[in-house]
Amino acid sequence: MKPSEELFDLIKSLTKSEKRFFKLSSSLQSGSKNYLKIFTAIDKQSAYDEDALKLEFKKETFIKHFPSEKNHLYKLILKSLRAYHSDNSVSSILKQEIKNIEILYMKSLYKECNKFLERAKKLAITHEKFYYLYELLSWEKTLLEEAYEEGEFTADLDQLISDEKNVIEKLRNLAGYHVLYSKINYLFRSGGYSRNDRDRKIVEEISNHPLIKEKNTALSSRAATICYYIQGFCAMANRDWARSKEKFQKVIDIFDKNVLIKNDIPKRYISGMSNLVKCETELGNFKAAQDMMKKIDALNSSKGFRTLDVQLMIFKESKLAKLKLLQRQGKFKAASELIDPIIEEIEIYRGKMNKEQEIKFYYSFAYIFFGIGEYNKALFWINKVLNDNENNLRQDLYGYARVFNLVIHFELGNRELLEYIIKSTYRYLNKRNRAYEIEDLMISNFKKLAKTYDLEQEVVLIKKLQPELNALLQNDRDNVILEYFDFQSWIIAKLESRPLGEVIAERN
């Protein structure tokens, strides 16, 4: 069985300051420190090699129970990280304060308990940390009982009960929004824009939910950000870009007025800005999209946005948005100059980037190389998408990649291979109920084109395809395919013997 790489991944994720803190903490401990030897050895490796470690420590007694030593080291690193980051988030601080209250209570230091309690409550209220606030109110009731036993009856029990009910209501409200967000997020992440009746029905049900449709239903700023985010997502699923822009702008506005909450959940803020860039791009507001991208880039140095996961998100959203904007403007050459630096950064984040973002980068690279006529490179990157298929993730992207693959092979002149790929593409789309009218139209026409070796006949077929395609693209359900490849511009470019980028720039 292959040795686990979890310890290696954890060590490699540490920053220089985190490593230094771990070593300093360890130096304060007495006794044998075999774990430090293992830590140093793994830290030096570029790829995990357990056999090399066993060879290096073959004379050490601990090598006989190496798995338990690794497990011990893993727990020590996590303990060190908890200590290092103990003051880096509101949640960490509140956890510590609650633990302090518990310790002081066990020592019957009730006066000191109340001091910590009041301070923690203010923090929880300011940051809308309702879960912790509920726990703090429970402690307040406990301390109230102790006060009664001492003959102190100054605290208002009715107010405390009212506060507790209010917090419970806000927790329920927030949980309700989280459930709705999970539903729309699952729908979008699994299949992309809604095209069939089932998906549209789900979007409609979420859009018409009382928490989403009725006014003033969000009981906190956190809940309000999710509410508007869901509304923006629903509009995006139906490709209503103007409404989507309006809702995501409200998300950003709420965060900008509540900086403490923004710094606590930075990823939702980044997602909101990223979705705004997409809306501006789809609406043709390219200057506004560029300005928003600059704001996303500037977040790198902002407080609350410096952790690895957030930095990775900024990189992904910013770079994908830039590539998408340049594609939409037909500036494929400029986009191609960004690819190598982006690939270098992807390698830095290798293993930390989620699958969806990886395939979006690969698809984008394929489109860009296609746009500058480097079809072999386009084929290389589209194959990276096709060979990495997932059963549940972004079936829209995988489906459109297969249709785009037909265009690439057609441009490469792979006529015989194209006939085989057409059959497999149709089987794939049919099996997943994604063979919509426009996909059927493109596949049937590529069948004819694959058997054509005469340029004049090829032009005749493409001319015949053009009005049929344009008619189908009048339907919102079908014109979503242009998000992934601009077939209309490609046909014009073929018929007029012009560069694809030039046609796209002119049309947009």
Protein backbone atom coordinates (compact mmCIF):
# COMPACT_ATOMS: atom_id res chain seq x y z
CA MET A 1 0.00 0.00 0.00
CA LYS A 2 1.28 3.45 -0.90
CA PRO A 3 2.49 5.41 2.17
CA SER A 4 0.30 8.35 3.15
CA GLU A 5 1.58 11.77 2.09
CA GLU A 6 -0.56 13.74 4.54
CA LEU A 7 2.38 14.61 6.82
CA PHE A 8 4.49 15.65 3.82
CA ASP A 9 1.67 17.86 2.49
CA LEU A 10 1.20 19.50 5.90
CA ILE A 11 4.91 20.24 6.30
CA LYS A 12 5.17 21.63 2.78
CA SER A 13 2.19 23.91 3.42
CA LEU A 14 3.95 25.64 6.33
CA THR A 15 5.32 29.15 5.89
CA LYS A 16 8.85 30.03 7.04
CA SER A 17 7.51 31.75 10.14
CA GLU A 18 5.26 28.75 10.98
CA LYS A 19 8.26 26.40 10.69
CA ARG A 20 10.36 28.68 12.88
CA PHE A 21 7.59 28.82 15.50
CA PHE A 22 7.30 25.01 15.50
CA LYS A 23 11.04 24.57 16.01
CA LEU A 24 11.18 27.20 18.75
CA SER A 25 8.24 25.60 20.54
CA SER A 26 9.92 22.21 20.27
CA SER A 27 13.18 23.57 21.71
CA LEU A 28 11.34 24.39 24.94
CA GLN A 29 10.40 20.74 25.40
CA SER A 30 12.69 18.31 27.22
CA GLY A 31 13.47 14.72 26.33
CA SER A 32 13.96 12.93 23.02
CA LYS A 33 12.88 14.80 19.92
CA ASN A 34 12.79 12.17 17.20
CA TYR A 35 9.91 14.06 15.60
CA LEU A 36 12.22 17.01 14.85
CA LYS A 37 14.60 14.72 12.95
CA ILE A 38 11.68 13.43 10.88
CA PHE A 39 10.37 16.96 10.38
CA THR A 40 13.75 18.21 9.07
CA ALA A 41 14.21 15.20 6.79
CA ILE A 42 10.75 15.49 5.22
CA ASP A 43 11.11 19.26 4.85
CA LYS A 44 14.21 18.70 2.68
CA GLN A 45 12.36 16.37 0.29
CA SER A 46 10.87 17.77 -2.92
CA ALA A 47 8.60 14.72 -3.25
CA TYR A 48 7.64 12.30 -0.49
CA ASP A 49 9.95 9.27 -0.36
CA GLU A 50 9.34 7.05 2.67
CA ASP A 51 11.94 4.49 1.60
CA ALA A 52 14.60 7.22 1.66
CA LEU A 53 13.48 8.23 5.16
CA LYS A 54 13.67 4.65 6.41
CA LEU A 55 17.15 4.31 4.93
CA GLU A 56 18.27 7.58 6.56
CA PHE A 57 16.98 6.51 9.99
CA LYS A 58 17.73 2.79 9.76
CA LYS A 59 19.95 2.94 12.88
CA GLU A 60 17.30 4.81 14.92
CA THR A 61 15.06 2.84 17.30
CA PHE A 62 11.97 4.88 16.39
CA ILE A 63 12.01 3.57 12.80
CA LYS A 64 10.45 0.35 14.11
CA HIS A 65 7.25 2.24 14.88
CA PHE A 66 7.56 4.88 12.16
CA PRO A 67 3.78 5.28 11.46
CA SER A 68 3.09 6.23 15.10
CA GLU A 69 6.05 8.67 15.05
CA LYS A 70 4.63 10.33 11.93
CA ASN A 71 1.19 10.53 13.53
CA HIS A 72 2.72 12.09 16.65
CA LEU A 73 4.56 14.68 14.53
CA TYR A 74 1.37 15.49 12.59
CA LYS A 75 -0.51 16.21 15.83
CA LEU A 76 2.37 18.32 17.19
CA ILE A 77 2.44 20.45 14.03
CA LEU A 78 -1.32 21.03 14.27
CA LYS A 79 -0.96 21.96 17.93
CA SER A 80 1.80 24.41 17.02
CA LEU A 81 -0.33 25.91 14.24
CA ARG A 82 -3.26 26.36 16.65
CA ALA A 83 -0.97 28.28 18.99
CA TYR A 84 0.59 30.30 16.16
CA HIS A 85 -2.76 31.32 14.71
CA SER A 86 -4.60 31.63 18.01
CA ASP A 87 -5.01 35.40 17.63
CA ASN A 88 -5.41 35.46 13.85
CA SER A 89 -9.17 35.04 13.69
CA VAL A 90 -12.19 36.07 15.70
CA SER A 91 -13.26 32.44 16.03
CA SER A 92 -9.90 31.50 17.55
CA ILE A 93 -10.06 34.38 20.02
CA LEU A 94 -13.63 33.54 21.05
CA LYS A 95 -12.73 29.88 21.54
CA GLN A 96 -9.90 30.95 23.83
CA GLU A 97 -12.13 33.34 25.76
CA ILE A 98 -14.77 30.64 26.30
CA LYS A 99 -12.06 28.27 27.50
CA ASN A 100 -10.81 30.98 29.89
CA ILE A 101 -14.33 31.44 31.24
CA GLU A 102 -14.63 27.69 31.80
CA ILE A 103 -11.30 27.54 33.67
CA LEU A 104 -12.12 30.56 35.86
CA TYR A 105 -15.55 29.13 36.62
CA MET A 106 -14.06 25.82 37.77
CA LYS A 107 -11.86 27.83 40.14
CA SER A 108 -14.93 29.70 41.47
CA LEU A 109 -13.54 33.03 40.21
CA TYR A 110 -16.95 34.30 39.12
CA LYS A 111 -16.12 37.99 39.11
CA GLU A 112 -13.24 37.41 36.69
CA CYS A 113 -15.53 35.13 34.68
CA ASN A 114 -17.97 37.97 34.12
CA LYS A 115 -15.20 40.27 32.90
CA PHE A 116 -14.15 37.78 30.25
CA LEU A 117 -17.78 37.10 29.40
CA GLU A 118 -18.69 40.74 28.74
CA ARG A 119 -15.60 41.25 26.59
CA ALA A 120 -16.27 38.10 24.58
CA LYS A 121 -19.96 38.98 24.09
CA LYS A 122 -19.07 42.38 22.60
CA LEU A 123 -16.65 40.70 20.21
CA ALA A 124 -19.20 38.06 19.17
CA ILE A 125 -21.93 40.67 18.61
CA THR A 126 -19.66 42.98 16.58
CA HIS A 127 -18.54 40.13 14.31
CA GLU A 128 -21.98 38.44 14.20
CA LYS A 129 -20.58 35.19 15.59
CA PHE A 130 -23.95 33.87 16.72
CA TYR A 131 -22.84 30.33 17.52
CA TYR A 132 -20.28 31.61 20.02
CA LEU A 133 -22.71 34.24 21.28
CA TYR A 134 -25.23 31.51 22.06
CA GLU A 135 -22.60 29.62 24.07
CA LEU A 136 -21.62 32.82 25.89
CA LEU A 137 -25.26 33.48 26.80
CA SER A 138 -25.43 29.95 28.22
CA TRP A 139 -22.45 30.81 30.39
CA GLU A 140 -24.16 34.03 31.42
CA LYS A 141 -27.17 32.03 32.63
CA THR A 142 -24.85 29.72 34.58
CA LEU A 143 -23.13 32.69 36.23
CA LEU A 144 -26.53 34.23 36.95
CA GLU A 145 -27.43 31.16 39.02
CA GLU A 146 -24.24 31.62 41.05
CA ALA A 147 -25.13 35.29 41.58
CA TYR A 148 -28.61 34.34 42.85
CA GLU A 149 -27.04 31.98 45.38
CA GLU A 150 -24.92 34.91 46.59
CA GLY A 151 -28.06 37.01 46.98
CA GLU A 152 -27.40 39.24 43.94
CA PHE A 153 -30.55 39.86 41.89
CA THR A 154 -29.48 42.82 39.78
CA ALA A 155 -29.26 40.91 36.44
CA ASP A 156 -32.34 40.96 34.19
CA LEU A 157 -33.27 37.33 33.51
CA ASP A 158 -36.08 38.27 31.10
CA GLN A 159 -33.63 40.27 28.98
CA LEU A 160 -31.20 37.36 28.95
CA ILE A 161 -33.94 34.96 27.79
CA SER A 162 -34.96 37.46 25.10
CA ASP A 163 -31.35 37.78 23.93
CA GLU A 164 -31.04 34.01 23.73
CA LYS A 165 -34.23 33.69 21.64
CA ASN A 166 -32.96 36.44 19.34
CA VAL A 167 -29.64 34.65 18.80
CA ILE A 168 -31.38 31.32 18.13
CA GLU A 169 -33.58 33.01 15.54
CA LYS A 170 -30.55 34.53 13.81
CA LEU A 171 -28.79 31.17 13.82
CA ARG A 172 -31.83 29.51 12.22
CA ASN A 173 -32.08 32.32 9.69
CA LEU A 174 -28.41 31.99 8.74
CA ALA A 175 -28.70 28.19 8.52
CA GLY A 176 -31.70 28.55 6.18
CA TYR A 177 -29.69 30.71 3.80
CA HIS A 178 -26.76 28.28 3.92
CA VAL A 179 -29.06 25.42 2.83
CA LEU A 180 -30.38 27.43 -0.14
CA TYR A 181 -26.84 28.48 -1.09
CA SER A 182 -25.71 24.85 -1.04
CA LYS A 183 -28.56 23.90 -3.41
CA ILE A 184 -27.85 26.58 -6.02
CA ASN A 185 -24.10 26.08 -5.69
CA TYR A 186 -24.46 22.31 -6.24
CA LEU A 187 -26.63 22.89 -9.30
CA PHE A 188 -24.11 25.31 -10.83
CA ARG A 189 -21.00 23.33 -9.91
CA SER A 190 -22.39 20.07 -11.28
CA GLY A 191 -23.99 21.28 -14.50
CA GLY A 192 -23.30 24.98 -15.09
CA TYR A 193 -25.97 27.26 -16.53
CA SER A 194 -29.51 25.88 -16.36
CA ARG A 195 -30.62 24.59 -19.76
CA ASN A 196 -33.17 21.86 -19.05
CA ASP A 197 -36.57 22.09 -17.36
CA ARG A 198 -35.40 20.26 -14.24
CA ASP A 199 -32.56 22.71 -13.54
CA ARG A 200 -34.71 25.72 -14.33
CA LYS A 201 -37.38 24.45 -11.96
CA ILE A 202 -34.82 24.16 -9.14
CA VAL A 203 -33.55 27.69 -9.81
CA GLU A 204 -37.15 28.97 -9.85
CA GLU A 205 -37.95 27.22 -6.54
CA ILE A 206 -34.90 28.77 -4.87
CA SER A 207 -35.66 32.20 -6.36
CA ASN A 208 -39.22 32.04 -5.02
CA HIS A 209 -38.30 30.81 -1.53
CA PRO A 210 -39.64 33.22 1.14
CA LEU A 211 -36.11 33.85 2.47
CA ILE A 212 -35.04 34.95 -1.02
CA LYS A 213 -38.15 36.55 -2.48
CA GLU A 214 -39.62 38.45 0.46
CA LYS A 215 -38.13 41.70 1.75
CA ASN A 216 -36.15 42.17 4.97
CA THR A 217 -35.91 38.44 5.66
CA ALA A 218 -32.17 38.47 6.45
CA LEU A 219 -31.68 39.03 10.20
CA SER A 220 -27.95 39.87 10.02
CA SER A 221 -25.35 41.28 7.66
CA ARG A 222 -23.90 37.80 7.20
CA ALA A 223 -27.32 36.48 6.18
CA ALA A 224 -27.87 39.45 3.86
CA THR A 225 -24.64 38.72 1.96
CA ILE A 226 -25.79 35.14 1.37
CA CYS A 227 -29.28 36.27 0.38
CA TYR A 228 -28.03 38.64 -2.32
CA TYR A 229 -25.37 36.13 -3.36
CA ILE A 230 -28.06 33.48 -3.96
CA GLN A 231 -30.15 35.98 -5.91
CA GLY A 232 -27.10 36.81 -8.04
CA PHE A 233 -26.35 33.14 -8.58
CA CYS A 234 -29.95 32.39 -9.63
CA ALA A 235 -29.87 35.26 -12.11
CA MET A 236 -26.49 34.04 -13.41
CA ALA A 237 -27.81 30.49 -13.85
CA ASN A 238 -30.49 31.98 -16.14
CA ARG A 239 -27.89 34.31 -17.71
CA ASP A 240 -29.70 37.46 -16.59
CA TRP A 241 -26.46 39.44 -16.35
CA ALA A 242 -27.94 42.83 -15.46
CA ARG A 243 -29.88 41.44 -12.47
CA SER A 244 -26.93 39.28 -11.45
CA LYS A 245 -24.66 42.34 -11.47
CA GLU A 246 -27.11 44.28 -9.31
CA LYS A 247 -27.25 41.52 -6.68
CA PHE A 248 -23.51 40.85 -6.50
CA GLN A 249 -22.89 44.59 -6.18
CA LYS A 250 -25.13 44.56 -3.10
CA VAL A 251 -23.02 41.74 -1.65
CA ILE A 252 -19.88 43.85 -2.10
CA ASP A 253 -21.58 46.95 -0.65
CA ILE A 254 -22.57 45.09 2.53
CA PHE A 255 -19.05 43.77 3.00
CA ASP A 256 -17.49 47.19 2.41
CA LYS A 257 -19.70 48.63 5.15
CA ASN A 258 -18.82 45.74 7.49
CA VAL A 259 -15.05 45.38 7.19
CA LEU A 260 -14.78 43.08 10.21
CA ILE A 261 -17.14 40.56 8.61
CA LYS A 262 -15.42 40.97 5.23
CA ASN A 263 -12.08 40.07 6.79
CA ASP A 264 -13.66 37.10 8.54
CA ILE A 265 -15.14 35.56 5.36
CA PRO A 266 -12.85 36.93 2.62
CA LYS A 267 -13.61 34.15 0.13
CA ARG A 268 -17.25 35.23 -0.23
CA TYR A 269 -16.05 38.77 -0.88
CA ILE A 270 -13.62 37.56 -3.56
CA SER A 271 -16.33 35.39 -5.14
CA GLY A 272 -18.69 38.36 -5.22
CA MET A 273 -16.09 40.53 -6.96
CA SER A 274 -15.20 37.72 -9.37
CA ASN A 275 -18.86 37.28 -10.30
CA LEU A 276 -19.14 41.03 -10.83
CA VAL A 277 -16.22 40.84 -13.29
CA LYS A 278 -18.05 38.06 -15.14
CA CYS A 279 -21.26 40.11 -15.29
CA GLU A 280 -19.46 43.21 -16.58
CA THR A 281 -17.65 41.09 -19.19
CA GLU A 282 -20.87 39.46 -20.41
CA LEU A 283 -22.57 42.87 -20.55
CA GLY A 284 -19.69 44.20 -22.67
CA ASN A 285 -18.56 46.63 -19.97
CA PHE A 286 -14.89 45.75 -20.47
CA LYS A 287 -13.47 48.85 -18.76
CA ALA A 288 -15.56 48.20 -15.64
CA ALA A 289 -14.41 44.56 -15.67
CA GLN A 290 -10.75 45.65 -15.85
CA ASP A 291 -11.22 48.08 -12.94
CA MET A 292 -12.80 45.34 -10.82
CA MET A 293 -9.94 42.95 -11.63
CA LYS A 294 -7.45 45.53 -10.34
CA LYS A 295 -9.39 45.64 -7.07
CA ILE A 296 -9.19 41.85 -6.79
CA ASP A 297 -5.41 41.94 -7.37
CA ALA A 298 -5.05 44.65 -4.70
CA LEU A 299 -6.62 42.35 -2.10
CA ASN A 300 -3.32 40.42 -1.87
CA SER A 301 -1.97 42.95 0.62
CA SER A 302 -5.20 43.49 2.55
CA LYS A 303 -5.72 42.38 6.14
CA GLY A 304 -7.68 39.15 6.32
CA PHE A 305 -6.65 38.15 2.79
CA ARG A 306 -3.11 36.86 3.42
CA THR A 307 -3.68 33.19 4.20
CA LEU A 308 -2.62 30.60 1.61
CA ASP A 309 -6.15 29.50 0.70
CA VAL A 310 -7.28 33.10 0.16
CA GLN A 311 -4.16 34.01 -1.83
CA LEU A 312 -4.78 30.96 -4.01
CA MET A 313 -8.37 32.06 -4.59
CA ILE A 314 -7.27 35.58 -5.56
CA PHE A 315 -4.82 34.07 -8.06
CA LYS A 316 -7.42 31.74 -9.60
CA GLU A 317 -10.24 34.26 -9.87
CA SER A 318 -8.04 37.11 -11.08
CA LYS A 319 -6.19 35.14 -13.76
CA LEU A 320 -9.26 33.32 -15.08
CA ALA A 321 -11.11 36.64 -15.29
CA LYS A 322 -8.24 38.24 -17.23
CA LEU A 323 -8.10 35.36 -19.71
CA LYS A 324 -11.87 35.40 -20.17
CA LEU A 325 -11.94 39.16 -20.76
CA LEU A 326 -9.16 39.00 -23.37
CA GLN A 327 -10.94 36.11 -25.12
CA ARG A 328 -14.18 38.06 -25.21
CA GLN A 329 -12.32 41.00 -26.76
CA GLY A 330 -10.67 38.75 -29.34
CA LYS A 331 -7.21 39.55 -27.93
CA PHE A 332 -5.91 36.00 -28.14
CA LYS A 333 -2.29 37.00 -28.71
CA ALA A 334 -2.21 39.11 -25.54
CA ALA A 335 -3.90 36.27 -23.64
CA SER A 336 -1.35 33.73 -24.91
CA GLU A 337 1.48 35.80 -23.38
CA LEU A 338 -0.06 35.24 -19.93
CA ILE A 339 -0.18 31.45 -20.21
CA ASP A 340 3.42 30.53 -19.29
CA PRO A 341 3.51 32.74 -16.14
CA ILE A 342 0.12 31.32 -15.11
CA ILE A 343 1.35 27.74 -15.60
CA GLU A 344 4.34 28.52 -13.36
CA GLU A 345 1.99 29.75 -10.63
CA ILE A 346 -0.27 26.71 -11.06
CA GLU A 347 2.77 24.52 -10.40
CA ILE A 348 3.46 26.45 -7.18
CA TYR A 349 -0.08 25.69 -6.04
CA ARG A 350 -0.05 22.10 -7.36
CA GLY A 351 -2.16 19.84 -5.13
CA LYS A 352 -3.93 22.80 -3.53
CA MET A 353 -6.05 23.94 -6.48
CA ASN A 354 -9.48 22.36 -6.86
CA LYS A 355 -10.36 20.32 -9.95
CA GLU A 356 -12.91 22.79 -11.33
CA GLN A 357 -10.42 25.65 -11.44
CA GLU A 358 -7.78 23.44 -13.07
CA ILE A 359 -10.03 22.38 -15.93
CA LYS A 360 -11.22 25.96 -16.42
CA PHE A 361 -7.60 27.03 -16.88
CA TYR A 362 -6.94 24.14 -19.30
CA TYR A 363 -10.07 24.92 -21.32
CA SER A 364 -9.12 28.59 -21.46
CA PHE A 365 -5.59 27.76 -22.66
CA ALA A 366 -7.07 25.57 -25.42
CA TYR A 367 -9.38 28.37 -26.58
CA ILE A 368 -6.55 30.93 -26.58
CA PHE A 369 -4.18 28.76 -28.64
CA PHE A 370 -7.04 28.02 -31.03
CA GLY A 371 -7.62 31.75 -31.35
CA ILE A 372 -4.05 32.35 -32.57
CA GLY A 373 -4.14 29.34 -34.89
CA GLU A 374 -1.88 27.05 -32.85
CA TYR A 375 -4.23 24.08 -33.12
CA ASN A 376 -1.83 21.40 -31.88
CA LYS A 377 -1.36 23.30 -28.62
CA ALA A 378 -5.12 23.80 -28.42
CA LEU A 379 -5.54 20.03 -28.81
CA PHE A 380 -2.98 19.37 -26.06
CA TRP A 381 -4.90 21.48 -23.53
CA ILE A 382 -8.37 20.30 -24.51
CA ASN A 383 -7.13 16.73 -24.05
CA LYS A 384 -6.06 17.71 -20.52
CA VAL A 385 -9.73 18.49 -19.90
CA LEU A 386 -11.14 15.43 -21.66
CA ASN A 387 -8.73 12.99 -20.04
CA ASP A 388 -9.56 14.28 -16.57
CA ASN A 389 -13.30 13.75 -16.66
CA GLU A 390 -15.30 13.67 -13.46
CA ASN A 391 -18.70 12.03 -13.08
CA ASN A 392 -20.31 14.88 -11.15
CA LEU A 393 -18.25 18.03 -11.67
CA ARG A 394 -19.14 20.71 -14.27
CA GLN A 395 -20.65 18.41 -16.85
CA ASP A 396 -21.37 21.50 -18.95
CA LEU A 397 -17.64 22.20 -19.30
CA TYR A 398 -16.79 18.61 -20.18
CA GLY A 399 -19.64 18.47 -22.67
CA TYR A 400 -18.70 21.70 -24.46
CA ALA A 401 -15.05 20.61 -24.44
CA ARG A 402 -16.04 17.59 -26.53
CA VAL A 403 -17.86 19.76 -29.06
CA PHE A 404 -14.90 22.20 -29.14
CA ASN A 405 -12.65 19.17 -29.67
CA LEU A 406 -14.47 18.51 -32.96
CA VAL A 407 -13.64 22.03 -34.17
CA ILE A 408 -9.97 21.61 -33.29
CA HIS A 409 -9.66 18.28 -35.13
CA PHE A 410 -11.50 19.78 -38.11
CA GLU A 411 -8.99 22.65 -38.28
CA LEU A 412 -6.11 20.16 -37.99
CA GLY A 413 -7.52 18.25 -40.97
CA ASN A 414 -7.94 15.01 -38.99
CA ARG A 415 -10.90 13.87 -41.10
CA GLU A 416 -10.71 10.11 -40.44
CA LEU A 417 -10.15 10.57 -36.72
CA LEU A 418 -12.94 13.15 -36.65
CA GLU A 419 -15.52 10.55 -37.74
CA TYR A 420 -14.63 8.35 -34.76
CA ILE A 421 -14.61 11.31 -32.31
CA ILE A 422 -18.03 12.46 -33.55
CA LYS A 423 -19.54 9.07 -32.60
CA SER A 424 -17.96 9.06 -29.13
CA THR A 425 -19.01 12.69 -28.56
CA TYR A 426 -22.61 11.94 -29.42
CA ARG A 427 -22.63 8.87 -27.14
CA TYR A 428 -21.13 10.92 -24.31
CA LEU A 429 -23.66 13.78 -24.59
CA ASN A 430 -26.61 11.43 -25.06
CA LYS A 431 -25.69 9.35 -22.02
CA ARG A 432 -25.63 12.49 -19.86
CA ASN A 433 -28.78 14.04 -21.40
CA ARG A 434 -26.72 16.96 -22.74
CA ALA A 435 -27.37 16.42 -26.46
CA TYR A 436 -29.44 19.58 -26.89
CA GLU A 437 -30.56 20.91 -30.29
CA ILE A 438 -27.48 23.01 -30.89
CA GLU A 439 -25.12 20.16 -29.98
CA ASP A 440 -27.07 17.87 -32.36
CA LEU A 441 -26.82 20.50 -35.10
CA MET A 442 -23.04 20.87 -34.73
CA ILE A 443 -22.44 17.12 -34.57
CA SER A 444 -24.57 16.40 -37.65
CA ASN A 445 -22.77 19.11 -39.63
CA PHE A 446 -19.31 17.94 -38.54
CA LYS A 447 -20.32 14.47 -39.78
CA LYS A 448 -20.80 15.98 -43.23
CA LEU A 449 -17.66 18.13 -43.01
CA ALA A 450 -15.56 15.12 -41.97
CA LYS A 451 -16.43 13.44 -45.28
CA THR A 452 -15.65 16.54 -47.34
CA TYR A 453 -12.20 17.03 -48.82
CA ASP A 454 -13.20 19.69 -51.34
CA LEU A 455 -12.83 23.31 -50.15
CA GLU A 456 -15.76 24.60 -52.21
CA GLN A 457 -18.08 21.92 -50.83
CA GLU A 458 -16.82 22.73 -47.34
CA VAL A 459 -17.79 26.40 -47.80
CA VAL A 460 -21.23 25.36 -49.07
CA LEU A 461 -21.83 23.25 -45.96
CA ILE A 462 -20.66 25.98 -43.58
CA LYS A 463 -22.85 28.58 -45.36
CA LYS A 464 -25.82 26.26 -44.95
CA LEU A 465 -25.00 25.75 -41.27
CA GLN A 466 -24.81 29.49 -40.51
CA PRO A 467 -28.55 30.44 -40.64
CA GLU A 468 -29.57 27.23 -38.82
CA LEU A 469 -27.09 27.99 -36.05
CA ASN A 470 -28.15 31.64 -35.79
CA ALA A 471 -31.79 30.60 -35.49
CA LEU A 472 -31.07 28.23 -32.60
CA LEU A 473 -28.91 30.83 -30.83
CA GLN A 474 -31.96 33.08 -30.50
CA ASN A 475 -32.98 30.69 -27.71
CA ASP A 476 -31.46 31.51 -24.31
CA ARG A 477 -31.10 27.82 -23.53
CA ASP A 478 -28.92 27.26 -26.59
CA ASN A 479 -26.88 30.45 -26.86
CA VAL A 480 -25.14 29.54 -23.62
CA ILE A 481 -22.77 27.51 -25.81
CA LEU A 482 -21.19 30.82 -26.91
CA GLU A 483 -19.84 31.14 -23.37
CA TYR A 484 -17.52 28.26 -24.19
CA PHE A 485 -16.82 28.72 -27.89
CA ASP A 486 -18.00 31.44 -30.25
CA PHE A 487 -19.29 29.31 -33.14
CA GLN A 488 -20.87 32.31 -34.84
CA SER A 489 -17.56 34.18 -35.05
CA TRP A 490 -15.73 31.02 -36.09
CA ILE A 491 -18.11 30.50 -39.04
CA ILE A 492 -17.70 34.13 -40.15
CA ALA A 493 -13.91 33.78 -39.84
CA LYS A 494 -13.99 30.62 -41.99
CA LEU A 495 -16.24 32.09 -44.67
CA GLU A 496 -14.33 35.39 -44.87
CA SER A 497 -10.84 33.90 -44.33
CA ARG A 498 -10.17 36.22 -41.40
CA PRO A 499 -8.51 35.68 -38.00
CA LEU A 500 -10.96 34.57 -35.34
CA GLY A 501 -9.79 37.26 -32.91
CA GLU A 502 -10.45 39.99 -35.45
CA VAL A 503 -14.04 38.80 -36.01
CA ILE A 504 -14.74 38.50 -32.27
CA ALA A 505 -13.31 41.98 -31.60
CA GLU A 506 -15.49 43.44 -34.35
CA ARG A 507 -18.65 41.69 -33.15
CA ASN A 508 -18.14 42.68 -29.50
